[in-house]
Amino acid sequence: MKIATEKWVAGGIAMAVAGLLVAMALGMGRPVQAAPAKVPVPAATGAADLHQPGMRHARVVFAGGCFWGVQGVFQHVKGVQSAVSGYIGGSAADAHYARVSSGTTGHAEAVQVTYDPAQVSYAQLMQVFFSVVHDPTQLNRQGPDHGSQYRSAIYADDAGMRAASLAYIAQLQRSGVFPAPLATRVDGGKAFYVAEGYHQNYLALHPDALYVRINDLPKVEALRQQYPALYRQTPQLMMTVSVR
């Protein structure tokens, strides 16, 4: 994920030309690479299977590479009330795309997910995150995007959610479903800063963008196929009126 001056395009000359045209049309360019196959993961059990009875609104921040795809997937999950692209881990002064893209701010591109635990459990959200949203074994990168701003992380202010996250990571490690150790961090108490308006609802607004077609739409399709009971056809889009 880079500004238009940096374009990596997978495939031959024809693919490179197509990617350049799309990037110019959108005013932004991002490296393009075929999305890896999505890995089915077991459902959370034991301490990882967190229940939040009586709650109608809960919130967690997931970081898993370019926030376009992360937001796009969670917008298609039933019970998710909002999914907002933004930055977490650094200061307010550095919470701007151009600065975060340098990889030196401490921020990660991330998505704040607000959900109704009566409709979708935290355990189910984690299952989606670790299976179709991203590859949790990649350290400071996702697919074609490189740098600490693309790290795998979960930020939850609730201690119970952090404990469940750590328990699920341990469960996945024991399961052997992934060929390498998971690189996902778990943290809390970090301020989340909403990203610029042009980053919100990006997948829904630009489904024909080459980067989105190759890297992000396969994630939404994997959600539909692997979790049909959680999938909703019409995404829950964010209102961008007040977004900077």
Protein backbone atom coordinates (compact mmCIF):
# COMPACT_ATOMS: atom_id res chain seq x y z
CA MET A 1 0.00 0.00 0.00
CA LYS A 2 1.92 3.08 -1.21
CA ILE A 3 1.29 6.54 -2.65
CA ALA A 4 1.17 6.80 -6.47
CA THR A 5 4.92 7.33 -6.80
CA GLU A 6 5.57 3.74 -5.72
CA LYS A 7 3.87 0.98 -7.69
CA TRP A 8 4.69 -2.70 -7.53
CA VAL A 9 2.60 -4.74 -9.88
CA ALA A 10 2.65 -8.52 -9.97
CA GLY A 11 2.53 -10.23 -13.30
CA GLY A 12 3.89 -9.27 -16.72
CA ILE A 13 3.80 -6.07 -18.70
CA ALA A 14 0.06 -6.20 -19.33
CA MET A 15 -0.66 -6.43 -15.62
CA ALA A 16 1.74 -3.58 -14.92
CA VAL A 17 0.04 -1.32 -17.45
CA ALA A 18 -3.40 -2.17 -16.06
CA GLY A 19 -2.26 -1.45 -12.53
CA LEU A 20 -0.77 1.88 -13.53
CA LEU A 21 -3.97 2.97 -15.27
CA VAL A 22 -6.08 2.04 -12.27
CA ALA A 23 -3.73 3.83 -9.87
CA MET A 24 -3.78 6.98 -11.99
CA ALA A 25 -7.55 6.90 -12.22
CA LEU A 26 -7.89 6.62 -8.44
CA GLY A 27 -5.15 9.11 -7.59
CA MET A 28 -3.40 6.45 -5.51
CA GLY A 29 -1.28 3.42 -6.28
CA ARG A 30 -0.62 0.34 -4.20
CA PRO A 31 1.52 -2.71 -4.87
CA VAL A 32 -0.48 -5.61 -6.20
CA GLN A 33 -0.02 -9.27 -5.45
CA ALA A 34 -2.32 -12.26 -5.60
CA ALA A 35 -3.96 -12.89 -2.23
CA PRO A 36 -2.86 -16.10 -0.50
CA ALA A 37 -5.30 -18.91 0.04
CA LYS A 38 -7.41 -18.39 3.15
CA VAL A 39 -6.78 -20.84 5.98
CA PRO A 40 -9.81 -22.31 7.78
CA VAL A 41 -9.24 -22.17 11.53
CA PRO A 42 -11.01 -23.95 14.39
CA ALA A 43 -13.63 -22.18 16.47
CA ALA A 44 -12.51 -20.75 19.79
CA THR A 45 -12.88 -23.04 22.79
CA GLY A 46 -12.32 -22.80 26.53
CA ALA A 47 -10.94 -19.47 27.72
CA ALA A 48 -10.88 -18.18 24.13
CA ASP A 49 -14.65 -18.55 23.76
CA LEU A 50 -15.57 -15.25 25.39
CA HIS A 51 -19.22 -14.52 26.16
CA GLN A 52 -20.49 -11.00 26.81
CA PRO A 53 -24.07 -11.47 28.07
CA GLY A 54 -26.24 -8.40 28.35
CA MET A 55 -23.98 -6.24 26.19
CA ARG A 56 -25.38 -4.60 23.06
CA HIS A 57 -22.22 -2.78 22.00
CA ALA A 58 -18.60 -3.95 22.28
CA ARG A 59 -15.51 -2.63 20.57
CA VAL A 60 -12.14 -3.97 19.44
CA VAL A 61 -9.45 -2.83 17.00
CA PHE A 62 -7.97 -5.28 14.51
CA ALA A 63 -4.76 -4.59 12.59
CA GLY A 64 -4.02 -6.94 9.72
CA GLY A 65 -2.38 -5.15 6.82
CA CYS A 66 -4.02 -2.60 4.53
CA PHE A 67 -7.14 -1.36 6.26
CA TRP A 68 -9.14 -1.37 3.01
CA GLY A 69 -9.57 -5.13 3.08
CA VAL A 70 -9.87 -5.45 6.86
CA GLN A 71 -12.70 -2.90 6.92
CA GLY A 72 -14.33 -4.41 3.85
CA VAL A 73 -14.53 -7.89 5.37
CA PHE A 74 -15.93 -6.81 8.73
CA GLN A 75 -18.52 -4.62 7.03
CA HIS A 76 -19.96 -7.84 5.61
CA VAL A 77 -20.18 -9.59 9.00
CA LYS A 78 -23.64 -9.79 10.56
CA GLY A 79 -23.76 -8.11 13.94
CA VAL A 80 -20.99 -5.63 13.16
CA GLN A 81 -22.47 -2.20 13.72
CA SER A 82 -19.54 -0.24 12.32
CA ALA A 83 -16.05 -0.84 10.97
CA VAL A 84 -13.86 2.26 10.80
CA SER A 85 -10.42 2.52 9.20
CA GLY A 86 -7.80 4.33 11.22
CA TYR A 87 -4.44 4.33 12.97
CA ILE A 88 -3.35 2.99 16.37
CA GLY A 89 -0.14 2.71 18.32
CA GLY A 90 1.36 6.17 17.75
CA SER A 91 0.66 9.79 18.55
CA ALA A 92 -2.14 12.07 17.39
CA ALA A 93 0.37 14.24 15.54
CA ASP A 94 1.46 11.28 13.41
CA ALA A 95 -2.02 9.90 12.70
CA HIS A 96 -1.94 10.89 9.04
CA TYR A 97 -1.57 8.56 6.08
CA ALA A 98 1.59 10.14 4.65
CA ARG A 99 3.35 9.85 8.01
CA VAL A 100 2.07 6.39 8.89
CA SER A 101 3.22 5.13 5.48
CA SER A 102 6.82 5.87 6.48
CA GLY A 103 6.68 3.00 8.95
CA THR A 104 8.36 5.09 11.64
CA THR A 105 5.40 6.46 13.62
CA GLY A 106 4.51 3.41 15.72
CA HIS A 107 1.06 3.42 14.17
CA ALA A 108 -0.56 0.44 12.50
CA GLU A 109 -3.25 0.67 9.87
CA ALA A 110 -6.21 -0.77 11.72
CA VAL A 111 -9.98 -1.07 11.86
CA GLN A 112 -12.14 -0.32 14.88
CA VAL A 113 -14.99 -2.82 14.97
CA THR A 114 -18.12 -2.10 17.01
CA TYR A 115 -20.45 -5.09 17.26
CA ASP A 116 -23.47 -6.52 19.03
CA PRO A 117 -22.38 -9.59 21.06
CA ALA A 118 -25.96 -10.87 20.91
CA GLN A 119 -25.57 -11.27 17.12
CA VAL A 120 -21.90 -12.09 16.69
CA SER A 121 -19.52 -13.21 19.40
CA TYR A 122 -16.01 -11.98 19.96
CA ALA A 123 -14.84 -15.54 19.34
CA GLN A 124 -16.47 -15.48 15.90
CA LEU A 125 -14.85 -12.14 15.06
CA MET A 126 -11.45 -13.56 15.99
CA GLN A 127 -12.10 -16.62 13.84
CA VAL A 128 -12.82 -14.38 10.86
CA PHE A 129 -9.77 -12.22 11.62
CA PHE A 130 -7.34 -15.13 11.79
CA SER A 131 -8.74 -16.99 8.79
CA VAL A 132 -9.99 -14.74 6.00
CA VAL A 133 -8.86 -11.21 6.97
CA HIS A 134 -5.10 -11.73 6.99
CA ASP A 135 -2.17 -14.11 7.43
CA PRO A 136 -1.20 -13.90 11.12
CA THR A 137 2.16 -15.58 10.53
CA GLN A 138 3.56 -12.61 8.59
CA LEU A 139 5.67 -10.23 10.68
CA ASN A 140 5.32 -6.54 9.83
CA ARG A 141 3.83 -7.22 6.43
CA GLN A 142 0.76 -8.51 4.62
CA GLY A 143 1.06 -9.73 1.06
CA PRO A 144 2.59 -6.95 -1.02
CA ASP A 145 2.64 -4.42 1.86
CA HIS A 146 5.76 -4.18 4.03
CA GLY A 147 6.50 -2.28 7.23
CA SER A 148 5.51 -2.22 10.89
CA GLN A 149 2.36 -0.27 9.96
CA TYR A 150 1.05 -3.52 8.45
CA ARG A 151 1.61 -5.64 11.56
CA SER A 152 -0.84 -8.19 12.89
CA ALA A 153 -2.35 -7.02 16.17
CA ILE A 154 -5.45 -6.90 18.34
CA TYR A 155 -6.10 -3.87 20.54
CA ALA A 156 -8.75 -4.32 23.22
CA ASP A 157 -9.23 -2.14 26.28
CA ASP A 158 -11.25 -4.88 27.99
CA ALA A 159 -9.07 -7.30 29.97
CA GLY A 160 -11.41 -10.20 29.25
CA MET A 161 -11.10 -9.63 25.51
CA ARG A 162 -7.31 -9.48 25.73
CA ALA A 163 -7.25 -12.72 27.72
CA ALA A 164 -9.53 -14.41 25.19
CA SER A 165 -7.31 -13.17 22.34
CA LEU A 166 -4.18 -14.62 23.94
CA ALA A 167 -5.99 -17.89 24.65
CA TYR A 168 -7.14 -18.16 21.03
CA ILE A 169 -3.66 -17.45 19.69
CA ALA A 170 -2.33 -20.23 21.93
CA GLN A 171 -5.13 -22.54 20.73
CA LEU A 172 -4.25 -21.84 17.09
CA GLN A 173 -0.56 -22.45 17.76
CA ARG A 174 -1.36 -25.82 19.33
CA SER A 175 -3.70 -26.77 16.48
CA GLY A 176 -0.91 -26.73 13.91
CA VAL A 177 -3.24 -25.16 11.32
CA PHE A 178 -0.55 -22.61 10.45
CA PRO A 179 2.88 -23.69 9.17
CA ALA A 180 4.69 -20.96 11.14
CA PRO A 181 4.33 -19.21 14.52
CA LEU A 182 1.72 -16.48 14.78
CA ALA A 183 3.07 -12.93 14.88
CA THR A 184 -0.10 -11.33 16.24
CA ARG A 185 0.36 -8.90 19.14
CA VAL A 186 -2.29 -8.25 21.79
CA ASP A 187 -2.42 -4.85 23.47
CA GLY A 188 -4.78 -2.32 25.00
CA GLY A 189 -5.03 1.24 26.25
CA LYS A 190 -4.05 2.74 22.89
CA ALA A 191 -5.85 5.67 21.28
CA PHE A 192 -7.49 5.00 17.92
CA TYR A 193 -7.47 7.77 15.31
CA VAL A 194 -9.97 7.72 12.43
CA ALA A 195 -8.28 7.72 9.01
CA GLU A 196 -8.92 10.21 6.24
CA GLY A 197 -12.30 10.10 4.53
CA TYR A 198 -10.96 8.75 1.24
CA HIS A 199 -9.86 5.55 3.04
CA GLN A 200 -13.34 4.81 4.43
CA ASN A 201 -15.52 2.26 2.60
CA TYR A 202 -12.73 1.92 0.05
CA LEU A 203 -13.49 -1.65 -0.96
CA ALA A 204 -17.18 -0.91 -1.44
CA LEU A 205 -16.53 2.29 -3.40
CA HIS A 206 -13.69 0.95 -5.58
CA PRO A 207 -14.37 -2.75 -6.25
CA ASP A 208 -12.75 -2.49 -9.70
CA ALA A 209 -9.42 -1.14 -8.42
CA LEU A 210 -6.72 -3.66 -9.29
CA TYR A 211 -5.33 -3.83 -5.74
CA VAL A 212 -8.82 -4.43 -4.34
CA ARG A 213 -9.72 -7.06 -6.95
CA ILE A 214 -6.58 -9.08 -6.33
CA ASN A 215 -5.96 -8.60 -2.60
CA ASP A 216 -9.27 -7.72 -0.94
CA LEU A 217 -12.28 -9.09 -2.81
CA PRO A 218 -11.01 -12.69 -2.34
CA LYS A 219 -11.22 -12.09 1.42
CA VAL A 220 -14.87 -11.11 1.20
CA GLU A 221 -15.57 -14.16 -0.98
CA ALA A 222 -13.76 -16.38 1.55
CA LEU A 223 -15.98 -14.94 4.28
CA ARG A 224 -19.06 -15.78 2.23
CA GLN A 225 -17.92 -19.33 1.56
CA GLN A 226 -16.42 -20.23 4.94
CA TYR A 227 -18.90 -18.44 7.20
CA PRO A 228 -22.24 -18.26 5.37
CA ALA A 229 -24.17 -17.82 8.63
CA LEU A 230 -22.13 -14.69 9.42
CA TYR A 231 -22.07 -13.21 5.93
CA ARG A 232 -24.37 -10.39 4.86
CA GLN A 233 -24.58 -9.37 1.25
CA THR A 234 -25.03 -5.63 1.87
CA PRO A 235 -22.10 -4.15 3.81
CA GLN A 236 -22.58 -1.91 6.83
CA LEU A 237 -20.89 1.19 5.44
CA MET A 238 -19.46 4.01 7.49
CA MET A 239 -20.91 7.49 7.23
CA THR A 240 -17.99 9.68 6.16
CA VAL A 241 -19.55 13.11 6.64
CA SER A 242 -17.48 14.01 9.71
CA VAL A 243 -14.30 12.12 8.76
CA ARG A 244 -11.21 14.24 8.10
